[in-house]
Amino acid sequence: MSVVDAVTGASAATGSTIILRGAAFQDSVVLTEDAPYVQWEDSARAGAYAIVVRKLGYHDWSQSGVRIEGGRCHVPSPTRVIALLQPQ
């Protein structure tokens, strides 16, 4: 997924906390660089998830119903999510 400043279009990934929640799985990661994608690799099972992105100085961003495919260890998911963060 990508984390982007909705006003400037620049990456806002550094310092963002991304939370992934599903029926039987929850994980979070704090990004330390402006990497465009986060992969949960084979940790997350196939299914629908809710994603929340939090970053100081921005409103929280969330999206539910994000589908993740299973059995794709070390292969990027075809699902692309762009979190457009709105400054506070």
PDB file of N, CA and C in Angstrom:
ATOM      1  N   MET A   1       0.833  -1.166   0.000  1.00  0.00           N
ATOM      2  CA  MET A   1       0.000   0.000   0.000  1.00  0.00           C
ATOM      3  C   MET A   1       0.872   1.220   0.000  1.00  0.00           C
ATOM      4  N   SER A   2       0.302   2.334  -0.394  1.00  0.00           N
ATOM      5  CA  SER A   2       1.011   3.603  -0.410  1.00  0.00           C
ATOM      6  C   SER A   2       0.344   4.549   0.575  1.00  0.00           C
ATOM      7  N   VAL A   3       1.153   5.348   1.245  1.00  0.00           N
ATOM      8  CA  VAL A   3       0.648   6.374   2.151  1.00  0.00           C
ATOM      9  C   VAL A   3       1.085   7.718   1.577  1.00  0.00           C
ATOM     10  N   VAL A   4       0.087   8.566   1.241  1.00  0.00           N
ATOM     11  CA  VAL A   4       0.347   9.788   0.488  1.00  0.00           C
ATOM     12  C   VAL A   4      -0.326  10.979   1.163  1.00  0.00           C
ATOM     13  N   ASP A   5       0.358  12.128   1.171  1.00  0.00           N
ATOM     14  CA  ASP A   5      -0.247  13.385   1.617  1.00  0.00           C
ATOM     15  C   ASP A   5      -1.258  13.805   0.553  1.00  0.00           C
ATOM     16  N   ALA A   6      -2.522  13.948   0.943  1.00  0.00           N
ATOM     17  CA  ALA A   6      -3.594  14.235  -0.016  1.00  0.00           C
ATOM     18  C   ALA A   6      -3.468  15.623  -0.642  1.00  0.00           C
ATOM     19  N   VAL A   7      -2.761  16.540   0.008  1.00  0.00           N
ATOM     20  CA  VAL A   7      -2.632  17.899  -0.508  1.00  0.00           C
ATOM     21  C   VAL A   7      -1.462  18.011  -1.482  1.00  0.00           C
ATOM     22  N   THR A   8      -0.302  17.475  -1.084  1.00  0.00           N
ATOM     23  CA  THR A   8       0.906  17.640  -1.891  1.00  0.00           C
ATOM     24  C   THR A   8       1.153  16.495  -2.874  1.00  0.00           C
ATOM     25  N   GLY A   9       0.576  15.326  -2.589  1.00  0.00           N
ATOM     26  CA  GLY A   9       0.831  14.146  -3.417  1.00  0.00           C
ATOM     27  C   GLY A   9       2.142  13.455  -3.091  1.00  0.00           C
ATOM     28  N   ALA A  10       2.872  13.980  -2.087  1.00  0.00           N
ATOM     29  CA  ALA A  10       4.150  13.391  -1.690  1.00  0.00           C
ATOM     30  C   ALA A  10       3.909  12.199  -0.760  1.00  0.00           C
ATOM     31  N   SER A  11       4.876  11.318  -0.709  1.00  0.00           N
ATOM     32  CA  SER A  11       4.783  10.183   0.197  1.00  0.00           C
ATOM     33  C   SER A  11       4.727  10.682   1.635  1.00  0.00           C
ATOM     34  N   ALA A  12       3.870  10.068   2.431  1.00  0.00           N
ATOM     35  CA  ALA A  12       3.751  10.393   3.856  1.00  0.00           C
ATOM     36  C   ALA A  12       3.955   9.137   4.690  1.00  0.00           C
ATOM     37  N   ALA A  13       4.669   8.178   4.134  1.00  0.00           N
ATOM     38  CA  ALA A  13       4.807   6.876   4.779  1.00  0.00           C
ATOM     39  C   ALA A  13       5.637   6.926   6.056  1.00  0.00           C
ATOM     40  N   THR A  14       6.752   7.656   6.059  1.00  0.00           N
ATOM     41  CA  THR A  14       7.628   7.659   7.220  1.00  0.00           C
ATOM     42  C   THR A  14       6.882   8.130   8.464  1.00  0.00           C
ATOM     43  N   GLY A  15       6.911   7.316   9.510  1.00  0.00           N
ATOM     44  CA  GLY A  15       6.248   7.645  10.763  1.00  0.00           C
ATOM     45  C   GLY A  15       4.786   7.239  10.828  1.00  0.00           C
ATOM     46  N   SER A  16       4.254   6.699   9.745  1.00  0.00           N
ATOM     47  CA  SER A  16       2.862   6.245   9.738  1.00  0.00           C
ATOM     48  C   SER A  16       2.749   4.900  10.443  1.00  0.00           C
ATOM     49  N   THR A  17       1.647   4.718  11.147  1.00  0.00           N
ATOM     50  CA  THR A  17       1.315   3.422  11.735  1.00  0.00           C
ATOM     51  C   THR A  17       0.180   2.835  10.914  1.00  0.00           C
ATOM     52  N   ILE A  18       0.378   1.632  10.421  1.00  0.00           N
ATOM     53  CA  ILE A  18      -0.634   0.955   9.617  1.00  0.00           C
ATOM     54  C   ILE A  18      -1.139  -0.241  10.426  1.00  0.00           C
ATOM     55  N   ILE A  19      -2.455  -0.294  10.599  1.00  0.00           N
ATOM     56  CA  ILE A  19      -3.090  -1.362  11.371  1.00  0.00           C
ATOM     57  C   ILE A  19      -3.975  -2.167  10.424  1.00  0.00           C
ATOM     58  N   LEU A  20      -3.781  -3.465  10.410  1.00  0.00           N
ATOM     59  CA  LEU A  20      -4.557  -4.385   9.585  1.00  0.00           C
ATOM     60  C   LEU A  20      -5.377  -5.273  10.511  1.00  0.00           C
ATOM     61  N   ARG A  21      -6.703  -5.284  10.314  1.00  0.00           N
ATOM     62  CA  ARG A  21      -7.581  -6.094  11.171  1.00  0.00           C
ATOM     63  C   ARG A  21      -8.486  -6.957  10.318  1.00  0.00           C
ATOM     64  N   GLY A  22      -8.540  -8.239  10.671  1.00  0.00           N
ATOM     65  CA  GLY A  22      -9.451  -9.180  10.030  1.00  0.00           C
ATOM     66  C   GLY A  22     -10.169  -9.986  11.086  1.00  0.00           C
ATOM     67  N   ALA A  23     -10.973 -10.943  10.647  1.00  0.00           N
ATOM     68  CA  ALA A  23     -11.757 -11.756  11.574  1.00  0.00           C
ATOM     69  C   ALA A  23     -10.870 -12.521  12.559  1.00  0.00           C
ATOM     70  N   ALA A  24      -9.744 -13.047  12.094  1.00  0.00           N
ATOM     71  CA  ALA A  24      -8.884 -13.862  12.961  1.00  0.00           C
ATOM     72  C   ALA A  24      -7.437 -13.396  12.936  1.00  0.00           C
ATOM     73  N   PHE A  25      -7.202 -12.154  12.505  1.00  0.00           N
ATOM     74  CA  PHE A  25      -5.823 -11.680  12.360  1.00  0.00           C
ATOM     75  C   PHE A  25      -5.782 -10.180  12.586  1.00  0.00           C
ATOM     76  N   GLN A  26      -4.776  -9.740  13.345  1.00  0.00           N
ATOM     77  CA  GLN A  26      -4.530  -8.311  13.507  1.00  0.00           C
ATOM     78  C   GLN A  26      -3.032  -8.099  13.569  1.00  0.00           C
ATOM     79  N   ASP A  27      -2.565  -7.049  12.909  1.00  0.00           N
ATOM     80  CA  ASP A  27      -1.143  -6.729  12.926  1.00  0.00           C
ATOM     81  C   ASP A  27      -1.000  -5.239  12.695  1.00  0.00           C
ATOM     82  N   SER A  28       0.145  -4.704  13.091  1.00  0.00           N
ATOM     83  CA  SER A  28       0.425  -3.302  12.821  1.00  0.00           C
ATOM     84  C   SER A  28       1.907  -3.147  12.531  1.00  0.00           C
ATOM     85  N   VAL A  29       2.229  -2.061  11.850  1.00  0.00           N
ATOM     86  CA  VAL A  29       3.608  -1.769  11.510  1.00  0.00           C
ATOM     87  C   VAL A  29       3.780  -0.259  11.510  1.00  0.00           C
ATOM     88  N   VAL A  30       4.939   0.192  12.002  1.00  0.00           N
ATOM     89  CA  VAL A  30       5.295   1.603  11.926  1.00  0.00           C
ATOM     90  C   VAL A  30       6.350   1.721  10.833  1.00  0.00           C
ATOM     91  N   LEU A  31       6.066   2.552   9.844  1.00  0.00           N
ATOM     92  CA  LEU A  31       6.977   2.697   8.714  1.00  0.00           C
ATOM     93  C   LEU A  31       8.124   3.638   9.077  1.00  0.00           C
ATOM     94  N   THR A  32       9.333   3.234   8.753  1.00  0.00           N
ATOM     95  CA  THR A  32      10.518   4.027   9.071  1.00  0.00           C
ATOM     96  C   THR A  32      11.147   4.661   7.847  1.00  0.00           C
ATOM     97  N   GLU A  33      10.559   4.421   6.691  1.00  0.00           N
ATOM     98  CA  GLU A  33      11.050   5.035   5.459  1.00  0.00           C
ATOM     99  C   GLU A  33       9.877   5.231   4.506  1.00  0.00           C
ATOM    100  N   ASP A  34      10.100   6.015   3.478  1.00  0.00           N
ATOM    101  CA  ASP A  34       9.034   6.292   2.519  1.00  0.00           C
ATOM    102  C   ASP A  34       8.916   5.186   1.471  1.00  0.00           C
ATOM    103  N   ALA A  35       8.798   3.959   1.958  1.00  0.00           N
ATOM    104  CA  ALA A  35       8.592   2.813   1.070  1.00  0.00           C
ATOM    105  C   ALA A  35       7.141   2.835   0.586  1.00  0.00           C
ATOM    106  N   PRO A  36       6.902   2.557  -0.686  1.00  0.00           N
ATOM    107  CA  PRO A  36       5.541   2.688  -1.206  1.00  0.00           C
ATOM    108  C   PRO A  36       4.581   1.576  -0.817  1.00  0.00           C
ATOM    109  N   TYR A  37       5.059   0.401  -0.431  1.00  0.00           N
ATOM    110  CA  TYR A  37       4.146  -0.711  -0.159  1.00  0.00           C
ATOM    111  C   TYR A  37       4.513  -1.417   1.127  1.00  0.00           C
ATOM    112  N   VAL A  38       3.507  -1.920   1.786  1.00  0.00           N
ATOM    113  CA  VAL A  38       3.689  -2.758   2.972  1.00  0.00           C
ATOM    114  C   VAL A  38       3.097  -4.112   2.630  1.00  0.00           C
ATOM    115  N   GLN A  39       3.842  -5.169   2.886  1.00  0.00           N
ATOM    116  CA  GLN A  39       3.353  -6.519   2.622  1.00  0.00           C
ATOM    117  C   GLN A  39       3.323  -7.281   3.926  1.00  0.00           C
ATOM    118  N   TRP A  40       2.206  -7.894   4.193  1.00  0.00           N
ATOM    119  CA  TRP A  40       2.106  -8.733   5.381  1.00  0.00           C
ATOM    120  C   TRP A  40       2.523 -10.162   5.043  1.00  0.00           C
ATOM    121  N   GLU A  41       3.010 -10.351   3.828  1.00  0.00           N
ATOM    122  CA  GLU A  41       3.533 -11.634   3.369  1.00  0.00           C
ATOM    123  C   GLU A  41       2.548 -12.748   3.669  1.00  0.00           C
ATOM    124  N   ASP A  42       3.005 -13.853   4.260  1.00  0.00           N
ATOM    125  CA  ASP A  42       2.091 -14.975   4.477  1.00  0.00           C
ATOM    126  C   ASP A  42       1.459 -14.952   5.866  1.00  0.00           C
ATOM    127  N   SER A  43       1.646 -13.863   6.613  1.00  0.00           N
ATOM    128  CA  SER A  43       1.061 -13.778   7.948  1.00  0.00           C
ATOM    129  C   SER A  43      -0.462 -13.679   7.900  1.00  0.00           C
ATOM    130  N   ALA A  44      -0.966 -12.877   6.975  1.00  0.00           N
ATOM    131  CA  ALA A  44      -2.416 -12.665   6.875  1.00  0.00           C
ATOM    132  C   ALA A  44      -3.025 -13.741   5.983  1.00  0.00           C
ATOM    133  N   ARG A  45      -4.138 -14.282   6.450  1.00  0.00           N
ATOM    134  CA  ARG A  45      -4.860 -15.267   5.637  1.00  0.00           C
ATOM    135  C   ARG A  45      -5.725 -14.551   4.620  1.00  0.00           C
ATOM    136  N   ALA A  46      -6.139 -15.288   3.618  1.00  0.00           N
ATOM    137  CA  ALA A  46      -7.036 -14.712   2.614  1.00  0.00           C
ATOM    138  C   ALA A  46      -8.317 -14.250   3.295  1.00  0.00           C
ATOM    139  N   GLY A  47      -8.819 -13.120   2.862  1.00  0.00           N
ATOM    140  CA  GLY A  47     -10.066 -12.623   3.426  1.00  0.00           C
ATOM    141  C   GLY A  47     -10.191 -11.123   3.303  1.00  0.00           C
ATOM    142  N   ALA A  48     -11.220 -10.600   3.962  1.00  0.00           N
ATOM    143  CA  ALA A  48     -11.480  -9.166   3.953  1.00  0.00           C
ATOM    144  C   ALA A  48     -10.919  -8.543   5.226  1.00  0.00           C
ATOM    145  N   TYR A  49     -10.297  -7.389   5.082  1.00  0.00           N
ATOM    146  CA  TYR A  49      -9.650  -6.714   6.191  1.00  0.00           C
ATOM    147  C   TYR A  49     -10.037  -5.241   6.229  1.00  0.00           C
ATOM    148  N   ALA A  50      -9.880  -4.668   7.408  1.00  0.00           N
ATOM    149  CA  ALA A  50      -9.985  -3.225   7.583  1.00  0.00           C
ATOM    150  C   ALA A  50      -8.571  -2.703   7.800  1.00  0.00           C
ATOM    151  N   ILE A  51      -8.272  -1.559   7.200  1.00  0.00           N
ATOM    152  CA  ILE A  51      -6.959  -0.940   7.347  1.00  0.00           C
ATOM    153  C   ILE A  51      -7.154   0.451   7.936  1.00  0.00           C
ATOM    154  N   VAL A  52      -6.341   0.775   8.940  1.00  0.00           N
ATOM    155  CA  VAL A  52      -6.323   2.114   9.522  1.00  0.00           C
ATOM    156  C   VAL A  52      -4.895   2.627   9.417  1.00  0.00           C
ATOM    157  N   VAL A  53      -4.743   3.879   8.985  1.00  0.00           N
ATOM    158  CA  VAL A  53      -3.432   4.518   8.922  1.00  0.00           C
ATOM    159  C   VAL A  53      -3.483   5.739   9.840  1.00  0.00           C
ATOM    160  N   ARG A  54      -2.499   5.824  10.734  1.00  0.00           N
ATOM    161  CA  ARG A  54      -2.395   6.958  11.657  1.00  0.00           C
ATOM    162  C   ARG A  54      -1.033   7.605  11.510  1.00  0.00           C
ATOM    163  N   LYS A  55      -1.045   8.936  11.527  1.00  0.00           N
ATOM    164  CA  LYS A  55       0.214   9.682  11.495  1.00  0.00           C
ATOM    165  C   LYS A  55       0.002  11.028  12.155  1.00  0.00           C
ATOM    166  N   LEU A  56       0.950  11.423  12.997  1.00  0.00           N
ATOM    167  CA  LEU A  56       0.899  12.699  13.679  1.00  0.00           C
ATOM    168  C   LEU A  56       0.772  13.828  12.658  1.00  0.00           C
ATOM    169  N   GLY A  57      -0.162  14.728  12.891  1.00  0.00           N
ATOM    170  CA  GLY A  57      -0.371  15.861  11.993  1.00  0.00           C
ATOM    171  C   GLY A  57      -1.400  15.607  10.908  1.00  0.00           C
ATOM    172  N   TYR A  58      -1.943  14.385  10.879  1.00  0.00           N
ATOM    173  CA  TYR A  58      -2.939  14.005   9.874  1.00  0.00           C
ATOM    174  C   TYR A  58      -4.160  13.390  10.556  1.00  0.00           C
ATOM    175  N   HIS A  59      -5.290  13.464   9.888  1.00  0.00           N
ATOM    176  CA  HIS A  59      -6.473  12.738  10.332  1.00  0.00           C
ATOM    177  C   HIS A  59      -6.267  11.259  10.035  1.00  0.00           C
ATOM    178  N   ASP A  60      -6.823  10.397  10.891  1.00  0.00           N
ATOM    179  CA  ASP A  60      -6.755   8.958  10.630  1.00  0.00           C
ATOM    180  C   ASP A  60      -7.452   8.662   9.303  1.00  0.00           C
ATOM    181  N   TRP A  61      -6.930   7.665   8.594  1.00  0.00           N
ATOM    182  CA  TRP A  61      -7.509   7.203   7.333  1.00  0.00           C
ATOM    183  C   TRP A  61      -7.895   5.746   7.540  1.00  0.00           C
ATOM    184  N   SER A  62      -9.044   5.338   6.999  1.00  0.00           N
ATOM    185  CA  SER A  62      -9.432   3.931   7.126  1.00  0.00           C
ATOM    186  C   SER A  62     -10.188   3.467   5.894  1.00  0.00           C
ATOM    187  N   GLN A  63     -10.103   2.172   5.664  1.00  0.00           N
ATOM    188  CA  GLN A  63     -10.848   1.538   4.580  1.00  0.00           C
ATOM    189  C   GLN A  63     -11.165   0.112   5.025  1.00  0.00           C
ATOM    190  N   SER A  64     -12.407  -0.309   4.826  1.00  0.00           N
ATOM    191  CA  SER A  64     -12.796  -1.674   5.176  1.00  0.00           C
ATOM    192  C   SER A  64     -13.101  -2.450   3.905  1.00  0.00           C
ATOM    193  N   GLY A  65     -13.186  -3.768   4.045  1.00  0.00           N
ATOM    194  CA  GLY A  65     -13.501  -4.621   2.905  1.00  0.00           C
ATOM    195  C   GLY A  65     -12.354  -4.823   1.934  1.00  0.00           C
ATOM    196  N   VAL A  66     -11.125  -4.588   2.382  1.00  0.00           N
ATOM    197  CA  VAL A  66      -9.953  -4.785   1.519  1.00  0.00           C
ATOM    198  C   VAL A  66      -9.672  -6.278   1.435  1.00  0.00           C
ATOM    199  N   ARG A  67      -9.663  -6.823   0.235  1.00  0.00           N
ATOM    200  CA  ARG A  67      -9.433  -8.257   0.026  1.00  0.00           C
ATOM    201  C   ARG A  67      -7.939  -8.544  -0.092  1.00  0.00           C
ATOM    202  N   ILE A  68      -7.493  -9.551   0.662  1.00  0.00           N
ATOM    203  CA  ILE A  68      -6.108 -10.011   0.587  1.00  0.00           C
ATOM    204  C   ILE A  68      -6.134 -11.471   0.177  1.00  0.00           C
ATOM    205  N   GLU A  69      -5.295 -11.808  -0.789  1.00  0.00           N
ATOM    206  CA  GLU A  69      -5.197 -13.194  -1.245  1.00  0.00           C
ATOM    207  C   GLU A  69      -4.246 -13.957  -0.343  1.00  0.00           C
ATOM    208  N   GLY A  70      -4.497 -15.234  -0.139  1.00  0.00           N
ATOM    209  CA  GLY A  70      -3.627 -16.073   0.669  1.00  0.00           C
ATOM    210  C   GLY A  70      -2.669 -16.869  -0.191  1.00  0.00           C
ATOM    211  N   GLY A  71      -1.672 -17.476   0.461  1.00  0.00           N
ATOM    212  CA  GLY A  71      -0.752 -18.365  -0.223  1.00  0.00           C
ATOM    213  C   GLY A  71       0.166 -17.688  -1.215  1.00  0.00           C
ATOM    214  N   ARG A  72       0.500 -16.424  -0.951  1.00  0.00           N
ATOM    215  CA  ARG A  72       1.346 -15.677  -1.885  1.00  0.00           C
ATOM    216  C   ARG A  72       2.637 -15.243  -1.192  1.00  0.00           C
ATOM    217  N   CYS A  73       3.224 -16.113  -0.431  1.00  0.00           N
ATOM    218  CA  CYS A  73       4.424 -15.789   0.334  1.00  0.00           C
ATOM    219  C   CYS A  73       5.473 -15.097  -0.533  1.00  0.00           C
ATOM    220  N   HIS A  74       5.905 -13.923  -0.097  1.00  0.00           N
ATOM    221  CA  HIS A  74       6.953 -13.135  -0.754  1.00  0.00           C
ATOM    222  C   HIS A  74       6.583 -12.700  -2.174  1.00  0.00           C
ATOM    223  N   VAL A  75       5.298 -12.707  -2.491  1.00  0.00           N
ATOM    224  CA  VAL A  75       4.825 -12.226  -3.786  1.00  0.00           C
ATOM    225  C   VAL A  75       3.876 -11.070  -3.514  1.00  0.00           C
ATOM    226  N   PRO A  76       4.125  -9.895  -4.118  1.00  0.00           N
ATOM    227  CA  PRO A  76       3.228  -8.769  -3.856  1.00  0.00           C
ATOM    228  C   PRO A  76       1.790  -9.091  -4.233  1.00  0.00           C
ATOM    229  N   SER A  77       0.875  -8.695  -3.377  1.00  0.00           N
ATOM    230  CA  SER A  77      -0.548  -8.893  -3.639  1.00  0.00           C
ATOM    231  C   SER A  77      -0.988  -7.984  -4.779  1.00  0.00           C
ATOM    232  N   PRO A  78      -1.919  -8.458  -5.605  1.00  0.00           N
ATOM    233  CA  PRO A  78      -2.416  -7.591  -6.663  1.00  0.00           C
ATOM    234  C   PRO A  78      -3.296  -6.468  -6.112  1.00  0.00           C
ATOM    235  N   THR A  79      -3.655  -6.540  -4.837  1.00  0.00           N
ATOM    236  CA  THR A  79      -4.460  -5.502  -4.209  1.00  0.00           C
ATOM    237  C   THR A  79      -3.577  -4.293  -3.918  1.00  0.00           C
ATOM    238  N   ARG A  80      -3.954  -3.141  -4.447  1.00  0.00           N
ATOM    239  CA  ARG A  80      -3.219  -1.905  -4.203  1.00  0.00           C
ATOM    240  C   ARG A  80      -4.129  -0.946  -3.459  1.00  0.00           C
ATOM    241  N   VAL A  81      -3.643  -0.444  -2.351  1.00  0.00           N
ATOM    242  CA  VAL A  81      -4.406   0.494  -1.539  1.00  0.00           C
ATOM    243  C   VAL A  81      -3.581   1.767  -1.416  1.00  0.00           C
ATOM    244  N   ILE A  82      -4.225   2.907  -1.632  1.00  0.00           N
ATOM    245  CA  ILE A  82      -3.567   4.198  -1.459  1.00  0.00           C
ATOM    246  C   ILE A  82      -4.296   4.946  -0.348  1.00  0.00           C
ATOM    247  N   ALA A  83      -3.593   5.213   0.731  1.00  0.00           N
ATOM    248  CA  ALA A  83      -4.146   5.983   1.847  1.00  0.00           C
ATOM    249  C   ALA A  83      -3.806   7.452   1.597  1.00  0.00           C
ATOM    250  N   LEU A  84      -4.824   8.257   1.318  1.00  0.00           N
ATOM    251  CA  LEU A  84      -4.640   9.698   1.107  1.00  0.00           C
ATOM    252  C   LEU A  84      -4.889  10.407   2.432  1.00  0.00           C
ATOM    253  N   LEU A  85      -3.805  10.780   3.104  1.00  0.00           N
ATOM    254  CA  LEU A  85      -3.921  11.401   4.422  1.00  0.00           C
ATOM    255  C   LEU A  85      -4.216  12.886   4.302  1.00  0.00           C
ATOM    256  N   GLN A  86      -5.224  13.326   5.047  1.00  0.00           N
ATOM    257  CA  GLN A  86      -5.598  14.743   5.082  1.00  0.00           C
ATOM    258  C   GLN A  86      -4.905  15.420   6.272  1.00  0.00           C
ATOM    259  N   PRO A  87      -4.152  16.498   6.023  1.00  0.00           N
ATOM    260  CA  PRO A  87      -3.529  17.215   7.146  1.00  0.00           C
ATOM    261  C   PRO A  87      -4.578  17.761   8.109  1.00  0.00           C
ATOM    262  N   GLN A  88      -4.201  17.865   9.385  1.00  0.00           N
ATOM    263  CA  GLN A  88      -5.120  18.416  10.394  1.00  0.00           C
ATOM    264  C   GLN A  88      -5.134  19.930  10.313  1.00  0.00           C
TER     265      GLN A  88
END
